[in-house]
Amino acid sequence: MKVIFSGVTKVFEPDIAALLDVSFKIEQGEFVFVIGATGSGKSTLLRLMTREILPTKGVVEIGDVNLRKMRKADIPYYRRDVGLVAQDFKLIPSLTVFENIAFVMEAMSMPRSVVEDRAKEVINRVGLWRRRHMKPAQLSGGEQQRVSIARALANSPSLFIADEPTGNLDFHTAADVMKILFDINSAGATVIMSTHNQSIVNAARQRVLELDEGKLVRDEQRGGYTV
């Protein structure tokens, strides 16, 4: 799924400018890192893509859809094609790994047989089959992150957004998570990942969008993390 930002500005009340006249185009199937200091606008950028918020000025297009013109009734259907991995995992503590993943699909009224088959598939894909009956508190941070990724994969999204997915993970666990994200990208999904992890960005050499105080200051193919 392609992503187009055209002259996008986002101002929060009373006068906090989170993004200022940001423009870029991401083609279907790209892997893009969004980098920048805390408060540079990274999370705002991602929230605009998920249609959690709307721009103050400018246009955000995902696929062929102008998100500003999208009807509220269509937002849940749009989000089925957008996988989101948040910083805090957002897992339901009382549910098992399998149930956390199935819950997303059940909420969309998918048939039980489809839910079970798809849940098994994504659990295997992230390497957690032997943990499928465990609850979040019984898992490591890296395992919880993989559950979050599996849940976001449940609907086979065309756009996969990851907000600091390796932020609290050790080197080896972060590498495992990155392998999963690159596999998702290799399967055809557009992947957009915000991060502060310099070593990951430098090793991957993918496209880099760098924000500084709400402005897009760098758009570089095969970029690294400059200090």
Protein backbone atom coordinates (compact mmCIF):
# COMPACT_ATOMS: atom_id res chain seq x y z
CA MET A 1 0.00 0.00 0.00
CA LYS A 2 1.43 3.39 -0.97
CA VAL A 3 1.55 6.34 1.42
CA ILE A 4 1.53 9.99 0.33
CA PHE A 5 1.89 13.04 2.59
CA SER A 6 1.34 16.35 0.79
CA GLY A 7 2.11 19.54 2.73
CA VAL A 8 1.00 18.00 6.03
CA THR A 9 0.95 20.16 9.16
CA LYS A 10 -0.42 19.02 12.51
CA VAL A 11 -0.97 21.51 15.33
CA PHE A 12 -2.27 20.41 18.72
CA GLU A 13 -4.07 22.84 20.98
CA PRO A 14 -3.22 25.42 22.04
CA ASP A 15 -0.28 25.95 19.63
CA ILE A 16 1.95 22.88 19.61
CA ALA A 17 3.20 22.25 16.06
CA ALA A 18 3.98 18.54 15.85
CA LEU A 19 4.50 18.45 12.07
CA LEU A 20 5.23 21.32 9.69
CA ASP A 21 4.63 21.09 5.92
CA VAL A 22 5.76 17.46 5.57
CA SER A 23 5.69 15.88 2.10
CA PHE A 24 6.88 12.46 0.91
CA LYS A 25 5.73 9.41 -1.04
CA ILE A 26 6.27 5.78 -0.02
CA GLU A 27 5.65 3.16 -2.67
CA GLN A 28 3.97 -0.20 -2.13
CA GLY A 29 6.46 -2.72 -0.75
CA GLU A 30 9.04 -0.27 0.64
CA PHE A 31 10.68 -0.59 4.05
CA VAL A 32 11.11 2.85 5.64
CA PHE A 33 12.64 3.95 8.94
CA VAL A 34 11.30 7.12 10.58
CA ILE A 35 13.93 8.60 12.89
CA GLY A 36 14.45 11.71 14.98
CA ALA A 37 14.79 12.87 18.56
CA THR A 38 11.99 12.50 21.10
CA GLY A 39 9.34 15.09 20.27
CA SER A 40 10.37 15.38 16.63
CA GLY A 41 6.96 14.22 15.36
CA LYS A 42 7.49 10.50 14.68
CA SER A 43 4.47 9.22 16.61
CA THR A 44 2.26 11.98 15.18
CA LEU A 45 3.28 10.89 11.69
CA LEU A 46 2.25 7.29 12.42
CA ARG A 47 -1.02 8.31 14.10
CA LEU A 48 -1.97 10.22 10.97
CA MET A 49 -1.43 7.06 8.92
CA THR A 50 -3.75 5.02 11.15
CA ARG A 51 -6.36 7.80 10.99
CA GLU A 52 -6.27 8.20 14.77
CA ILE A 53 -5.86 11.93 14.14
CA LEU A 54 -6.35 14.21 11.12
CA PRO A 55 -3.92 16.80 9.73
CA THR A 56 -4.49 20.47 10.45
CA LYS A 57 -3.40 21.21 6.88
CA GLY A 58 -2.44 19.09 3.91
CA VAL A 59 -3.42 15.68 2.61
CA VAL A 60 -2.65 12.14 3.79
CA GLU A 61 -3.39 9.45 1.20
CA ILE A 62 -3.10 5.75 1.98
CA GLY A 63 -3.57 3.60 -1.08
CA ASP A 64 -6.07 5.58 -3.11
CA VAL A 65 -7.90 6.99 -0.08
CA ASN A 66 -7.74 10.55 1.23
CA LEU A 67 -7.98 9.97 4.98
CA ARG A 68 -9.49 13.39 5.65
CA LYS A 69 -12.44 12.51 3.40
CA MET A 70 -12.95 9.03 4.85
CA ARG A 71 -16.31 8.48 6.52
CA LYS A 72 -16.18 7.47 10.18
CA ALA A 73 -18.14 4.32 9.33
CA ASP A 74 -15.33 3.25 6.97
CA ILE A 75 -12.47 3.68 9.45
CA PRO A 76 -12.72 0.14 10.98
CA TYR A 77 -12.63 -1.40 7.48
CA TYR A 78 -9.61 0.72 6.56
CA ARG A 79 -7.76 -0.36 9.69
CA ARG A 80 -8.21 -4.01 8.80
CA ASP A 81 -5.61 -3.43 6.09
CA VAL A 82 -3.23 -1.59 8.44
CA GLY A 83 -1.22 -3.57 10.99
CA LEU A 84 -0.03 -1.55 13.99
CA VAL A 85 2.55 -2.54 16.57
CA ALA A 86 2.49 -0.02 19.42
CA GLN A 87 5.24 0.71 21.93
CA ASP A 88 3.33 -0.73 24.89
CA PHE A 89 2.17 -3.99 23.16
CA LYS A 90 -1.49 -3.44 24.26
CA LEU A 91 -1.99 -7.13 25.04
CA ILE A 92 -4.96 -8.24 27.13
CA PRO A 93 -3.47 -9.67 30.37
CA SER A 94 -6.25 -12.19 31.02
CA LEU A 95 -5.99 -13.82 27.58
CA THR A 96 -3.47 -16.34 26.28
CA VAL A 97 -1.24 -15.75 23.27
CA PHE A 98 -3.73 -17.58 21.07
CA GLU A 99 -6.71 -15.74 22.53
CA ASN A 100 -5.05 -12.31 22.19
CA ILE A 101 -4.56 -12.92 18.48
CA ALA A 102 -7.97 -14.53 17.93
CA PHE A 103 -9.71 -11.67 19.73
CA VAL A 104 -8.78 -9.19 16.99
CA MET A 105 -10.38 -11.32 14.30
CA GLU A 106 -13.41 -12.27 16.38
CA ALA A 107 -14.09 -8.56 16.91
CA MET A 108 -14.42 -8.31 13.14
CA SER A 109 -16.94 -11.18 13.04
CA MET A 110 -14.69 -13.58 11.17
CA PRO A 111 -15.84 -17.24 11.12
CA ARG A 112 -14.41 -19.31 13.96
CA SER A 113 -12.71 -21.73 11.55
CA VAL A 114 -10.93 -18.84 9.81
CA VAL A 115 -9.92 -17.32 13.14
CA GLU A 116 -8.37 -20.56 14.39
CA ASP A 117 -6.47 -21.30 11.18
CA ARG A 118 -5.14 -17.74 10.85
CA ALA A 119 -4.17 -17.52 14.53
CA LYS A 120 -2.20 -20.76 14.24
CA GLU A 121 -0.50 -19.47 11.11
CA VAL A 122 0.71 -16.16 12.57
CA ILE A 123 1.74 -17.76 15.89
CA ASN A 124 3.96 -20.15 13.95
CA ARG A 125 5.25 -17.29 11.83
CA VAL A 126 6.59 -15.41 14.87
CA GLY A 127 7.95 -18.58 16.50
CA LEU A 128 5.61 -18.77 19.52
CA TRP A 129 3.72 -22.03 18.98
CA ARG A 130 5.02 -23.55 22.23
CA ARG A 131 3.92 -20.40 24.09
CA ARG A 132 0.41 -20.22 22.62
CA HIS A 133 -1.37 -21.15 25.88
CA MET A 134 0.63 -18.71 28.04
CA LYS A 135 -0.57 -15.31 29.19
CA PRO A 136 1.43 -12.07 28.68
CA ALA A 137 2.81 -12.05 32.25
CA GLN A 138 4.43 -15.44 31.59
CA LEU A 139 6.31 -14.14 28.54
CA SER A 140 9.51 -12.15 28.14
CA GLY A 141 9.41 -8.65 26.69
CA GLY A 142 10.60 -9.95 23.33
CA GLU A 143 7.94 -12.65 23.30
CA GLN A 144 5.25 -10.10 24.12
CA GLN A 145 6.47 -7.99 21.23
CA ARG A 146 6.19 -10.97 18.92
CA VAL A 147 2.60 -11.54 20.08
CA SER A 148 1.90 -7.90 19.27
CA ILE A 149 3.36 -8.41 15.79
CA ALA A 150 1.37 -11.61 15.26
CA ARG A 151 -1.83 -9.84 16.25
CA ALA A 152 -1.08 -7.03 13.79
CA LEU A 153 -0.49 -9.66 11.08
CA ALA A 154 -3.80 -11.42 11.69
CA ASN A 155 -5.62 -9.61 8.88
CA SER A 156 -2.74 -9.83 6.37
CA PRO A 157 -2.31 -6.04 6.20
CA SER A 158 -0.87 -4.27 3.16
CA LEU A 159 0.59 -1.55 5.40
CA PHE A 160 2.49 -2.50 8.55
CA ILE A 161 3.35 0.28 11.04
CA ALA A 162 5.74 -0.38 13.93
CA ASP A 163 6.23 2.33 16.58
CA GLU A 164 9.58 1.73 18.35
CA PRO A 165 9.18 -2.09 18.22
CA THR A 166 12.70 -2.75 19.54
CA GLY A 167 12.81 0.08 22.07
CA ASN A 168 13.02 -2.02 25.24
CA LEU A 169 14.65 -5.15 23.84
CA ASP A 170 18.19 -6.47 24.06
CA PHE A 171 20.34 -6.78 20.94
CA HIS A 172 19.57 -10.41 20.10
CA THR A 173 15.84 -10.09 20.77
CA ALA A 174 15.70 -6.91 18.70
CA ALA A 175 17.45 -8.75 15.86
CA ASP A 176 14.76 -11.47 16.01
CA VAL A 177 12.02 -8.85 15.81
CA MET A 178 13.72 -7.16 12.86
CA LYS A 179 13.94 -10.47 10.99
CA ILE A 180 10.18 -10.85 11.36
CA LEU A 181 9.60 -7.30 10.06
CA PHE A 182 11.87 -7.88 7.06
CA ASP A 183 10.03 -11.15 6.33
CA ILE A 184 6.74 -9.23 6.41
CA ASN A 185 8.19 -6.72 3.96
CA SER A 186 9.55 -9.48 1.72
CA ALA A 187 6.03 -10.91 1.51
CA GLY A 188 4.89 -7.64 -0.09
CA ALA A 189 3.70 -5.39 2.73
CA THR A 190 4.82 -1.79 3.07
CA VAL A 191 6.62 -1.49 6.43
CA ILE A 192 7.12 1.82 8.22
CA MET A 193 9.06 1.70 11.48
CA SER A 194 9.93 4.50 13.89
CA THR A 195 13.07 3.92 15.93
CA HIS A 196 15.91 5.41 17.96
CA ASN A 197 18.07 2.33 17.41
CA GLN A 198 21.09 3.55 15.48
CA SER A 199 22.69 0.14 15.00
CA ILE A 200 19.56 -1.32 13.40
CA VAL A 201 19.18 1.60 10.99
CA ASN A 202 22.86 1.58 10.07
CA ALA A 203 22.93 -2.18 9.50
CA ALA A 204 19.71 -2.33 7.47
CA ARG A 205 20.46 0.50 5.02
CA GLN A 206 16.83 1.03 4.08
CA ARG A 207 15.14 4.31 3.23
CA VAL A 208 15.28 6.85 6.08
CA LEU A 209 12.90 9.73 6.81
CA GLU A 210 14.36 12.00 9.50
CA LEU A 211 12.25 14.48 11.44
CA ASP A 212 13.52 17.43 13.46
CA GLU A 213 11.08 19.61 15.41
CA GLY A 214 8.25 18.58 13.13
CA LYS A 215 10.08 19.16 9.85
CA LEU A 216 11.23 16.50 7.41
CA VAL A 217 14.96 17.25 7.19
CA ARG A 218 16.15 14.14 5.35
CA ASP A 219 14.71 11.58 2.93
CA GLU A 220 17.50 9.20 1.97
CA GLN A 221 17.52 5.87 0.17
CA ARG A 222 19.78 3.29 1.83
CA GLY A 223 20.30 5.78 4.65
CA GLY A 224 21.98 5.54 8.01
CA TYR A 225 21.48 7.15 11.40
CA THR A 226 23.44 10.39 11.59
CA VAL A 227 24.14 12.10 14.92
